[in-house]
Amino acid sequence: MNDEPDVVVTRTVQDGDREVRIEVTDPRPDAGTGGWRCAYRIDGFDTQVVRGRDGLAAVYAALVGIGEDLARANARGAHYTVFGRSDLGFPMRSPGRATDER
């Protein structure tokens, strides 16, 4: 049996002329917290593990993390776009409201 999580969703974004692949793994129970966790990878970034109260919350936390990572990179001079648009289309953390921790 393979204990490595499977990639369940991907998206390719652009950074100028360069294609950048994003992957999110399937959520799995996290025995350490009693919640769930999944990971996301953006080409050129470190893999991030995020957690949520259930599988959907973990995936949502991954989408928020991706959006924040790409927005920070753009603020530092990257030019990430999704389908040619600068609106990256990922959810962002609401001011004053925390998502489940990474």
C-alpha atoms as a PDB file:
ATOM      1  CA  MET A   1       0.000   0.000   0.000  1.00  0.00           C
ATOM      2  CA  ASN A   2       1.278   3.457  -0.897  1.00  0.00           C
ATOM      3  CA  ASP A   3       1.190   5.947   2.004  1.00  0.00           C
ATOM      4  CA  GLU A   4       2.050   8.870  -0.266  1.00  0.00           C
ATOM      5  CA  PRO A   5      -1.040  11.050  -0.873  1.00  0.00           C
ATOM      6  CA  ASP A   6      -2.360  11.213  -4.421  1.00  0.00           C
ATOM      7  CA  VAL A   7      -2.566  14.453  -6.361  1.00  0.00           C
ATOM      8  CA  VAL A   8      -6.281  15.090  -6.806  1.00  0.00           C
ATOM      9  CA  VAL A   9      -6.367  18.487  -8.524  1.00  0.00           C
ATOM     10  CA  THR A  10      -3.927  20.490 -10.600  1.00  0.00           C
ATOM     11  CA  ARG A  11      -3.815  23.834 -12.303  1.00  0.00           C
ATOM     12  CA  THR A  12      -1.218  25.390 -14.554  1.00  0.00           C
ATOM     13  CA  VAL A  13      -0.623  29.115 -14.168  1.00  0.00           C
ATOM     14  CA  GLN A  14       1.716  31.420 -16.052  1.00  0.00           C
ATOM     15  CA  ASP A  15       4.617  33.458 -14.718  1.00  0.00           C
ATOM     16  CA  GLY A  16       5.363  35.509 -17.784  1.00  0.00           C
ATOM     17  CA  ASP A  17       6.147  32.919 -20.476  1.00  0.00           C
ATOM     18  CA  ARG A  18       6.839  30.132 -17.952  1.00  0.00           C
ATOM     19  CA  GLU A  19       4.200  27.523 -17.092  1.00  0.00           C
ATOM     20  CA  VAL A  20       3.952  26.733 -13.380  1.00  0.00           C
ATOM     21  CA  ARG A  21       2.147  23.629 -12.154  1.00  0.00           C
ATOM     22  CA  ILE A  22       0.145  23.621  -8.927  1.00  0.00           C
ATOM     23  CA  GLU A  23      -0.913  20.359  -7.269  1.00  0.00           C
ATOM     24  CA  VAL A  24      -3.155  19.620  -4.284  1.00  0.00           C
ATOM     25  CA  THR A  25      -3.074  16.186  -2.661  1.00  0.00           C
ATOM     26  CA  ASP A  26      -6.023  14.250  -1.319  1.00  0.00           C
ATOM     27  CA  PRO A  27      -7.029  15.109   2.253  1.00  0.00           C
ATOM     28  CA  ARG A  28      -6.252  12.506   4.880  1.00  0.00           C
ATOM     29  CA  PRO A  29      -6.964  12.150   8.583  1.00  0.00           C
ATOM     30  CA  ASP A  30      -4.277  13.762  10.748  1.00  0.00           C
ATOM     31  CA  ALA A  31      -3.904  11.593  13.836  1.00  0.00           C
ATOM     32  CA  GLY A  32      -1.810  14.257  15.559  1.00  0.00           C
ATOM     33  CA  THR A  33      -4.596  16.847  15.548  1.00  0.00           C
ATOM     34  CA  GLY A  34      -7.757  14.797  15.131  1.00  0.00           C
ATOM     35  CA  GLY A  35      -8.495  16.856  12.007  1.00  0.00           C
ATOM     36  CA  TRP A  36      -7.484  16.427   8.385  1.00  0.00           C
ATOM     37  CA  ARG A  37      -4.502  17.528   6.307  1.00  0.00           C
ATOM     38  CA  CYS A  38      -3.432  17.820   2.718  1.00  0.00           C
ATOM     39  CA  ALA A  39      -0.497  19.332   0.892  1.00  0.00           C
ATOM     40  CA  TYR A  40      -0.027  21.640  -2.023  1.00  0.00           C
ATOM     41  CA  ARG A  41       2.930  22.180  -4.294  1.00  0.00           C
ATOM     42  CA  ILE A  42       3.668  25.097  -6.557  1.00  0.00           C
ATOM     43  CA  ASP A  43       6.627  24.635  -8.923  1.00  0.00           C
ATOM     44  CA  GLY A  44       9.528  26.598  -7.471  1.00  0.00           C
ATOM     45  CA  PHE A  45       8.041  26.773  -3.938  1.00  0.00           C
ATOM     46  CA  ASP A  46       8.390  24.436  -0.959  1.00  0.00           C
ATOM     47  CA  THR A  47       5.585  21.916  -0.413  1.00  0.00           C
ATOM     48  CA  GLN A  48       3.126  23.180   2.198  1.00  0.00           C
ATOM     49  CA  VAL A  49       0.990  21.024   4.492  1.00  0.00           C
ATOM     50  CA  VAL A  50      -2.285  22.546   5.647  1.00  0.00           C
ATOM     51  CA  ARG A  51      -4.900  21.319   8.077  1.00  0.00           C
ATOM     52  CA  GLY A  52      -8.621  21.585   8.550  1.00  0.00           C
ATOM     53  CA  ARG A  53     -11.385  20.219  10.743  1.00  0.00           C
ATOM     54  CA  ASP A  54     -12.440  17.909   7.924  1.00  0.00           C
ATOM     55  CA  GLY A  55     -11.297  17.032   4.420  1.00  0.00           C
ATOM     56  CA  LEU A  56     -13.088  19.920   2.744  1.00  0.00           C
ATOM     57  CA  ALA A  57     -11.643  22.433   5.199  1.00  0.00           C
ATOM     58  CA  ALA A  58      -8.143  21.073   4.503  1.00  0.00           C
ATOM     59  CA  VAL A  59      -8.612  21.456   0.733  1.00  0.00           C
ATOM     60  CA  TYR A  60     -10.025  24.967   1.227  1.00  0.00           C
ATOM     61  CA  ALA A  61      -6.995  25.858   3.379  1.00  0.00           C
ATOM     62  CA  ALA A  62      -4.769  24.648   0.522  1.00  0.00           C
ATOM     63  CA  LEU A  63      -6.588  26.882  -1.972  1.00  0.00           C
ATOM     64  CA  VAL A  64      -6.245  29.881   0.372  1.00  0.00           C
ATOM     65  CA  GLY A  65      -2.539  29.103   0.866  1.00  0.00           C
ATOM     66  CA  ILE A  66      -1.964  28.886  -2.890  1.00  0.00           C
ATOM     67  CA  GLY A  67      -3.684  32.232  -3.444  1.00  0.00           C
ATOM     68  CA  GLU A  68      -1.664  33.891  -0.695  1.00  0.00           C
ATOM     69  CA  ASP A  69       1.650  32.427  -1.911  1.00  0.00           C
ATOM     70  CA  LEU A  70       1.041  33.581  -5.491  1.00  0.00           C
ATOM     71  CA  ALA A  71      -0.153  37.034  -4.370  1.00  0.00           C
ATOM     72  CA  ARG A  72       2.971  37.486  -2.200  1.00  0.00           C
ATOM     73  CA  ALA A  73       5.173  36.411  -5.117  1.00  0.00           C
ATOM     74  CA  ASN A  74       3.414  38.915  -7.397  1.00  0.00           C
ATOM     75  CA  ALA A  75       3.949  41.658  -4.816  1.00  0.00           C
ATOM     76  CA  ARG A  76       7.686  40.833  -4.980  1.00  0.00           C
ATOM     77  CA  GLY A  77       7.798  41.109  -8.776  1.00  0.00           C
ATOM     78  CA  ALA A  78       6.520  37.809 -10.161  1.00  0.00           C
ATOM     79  CA  HIS A  79       3.800  37.947 -12.815  1.00  0.00           C
ATOM     80  CA  TYR A  80       1.522  34.998 -12.056  1.00  0.00           C
ATOM     81  CA  THR A  81      -1.672  34.900 -14.085  1.00  0.00           C
ATOM     82  CA  VAL A  82      -4.440  32.353 -14.448  1.00  0.00           C
ATOM     83  CA  PHE A  83      -5.891  31.915 -17.926  1.00  0.00           C
ATOM     84  CA  GLY A  84      -4.285  35.249 -18.876  1.00  0.00           C
ATOM     85  CA  ARG A  85      -5.958  37.178 -16.045  1.00  0.00           C
ATOM     86  CA  SER A  86      -4.201  38.792 -13.102  1.00  0.00           C
ATOM     87  CA  ASP A  87      -7.124  37.813 -10.842  1.00  0.00           C
ATOM     88  CA  LEU A  88      -5.717  34.496  -9.645  1.00  0.00           C
ATOM     89  CA  GLY A  89      -9.147  33.072  -8.775  1.00  0.00           C
ATOM     90  CA  PHE A  90      -8.125  31.522  -5.473  1.00  0.00           C
ATOM     91  CA  PRO A  91      -9.974  32.293  -2.237  1.00  0.00           C
ATOM     92  CA  MET A  92      -8.285  34.716   0.128  1.00  0.00           C
ATOM     93  CA  ARG A  93      -8.403  34.809   3.893  1.00  0.00           C
ATOM     94  CA  SER A  94     -11.082  37.227   5.102  1.00  0.00           C
ATOM     95  CA  PRO A  95      -9.781  40.054   7.309  1.00  0.00           C
ATOM     96  CA  GLY A  96     -10.356  39.192  10.955  1.00  0.00           C
ATOM     97  CA  ARG A  97     -11.173  35.576  10.203  1.00  0.00           C
ATOM     98  CA  ALA A  98      -8.604  32.825  10.517  1.00  0.00           C
ATOM     99  CA  THR A  99      -8.621  29.721   8.390  1.00  0.00           C
ATOM    100  CA  ASP A 100      -7.462  26.464   9.896  1.00  0.00           C
ATOM    101  CA  GLU A 101      -3.745  26.567  10.571  1.00  0.00           C
ATOM    102  CA  ARG A 102      -1.035  25.323   8.258  1.00  0.00           C
END
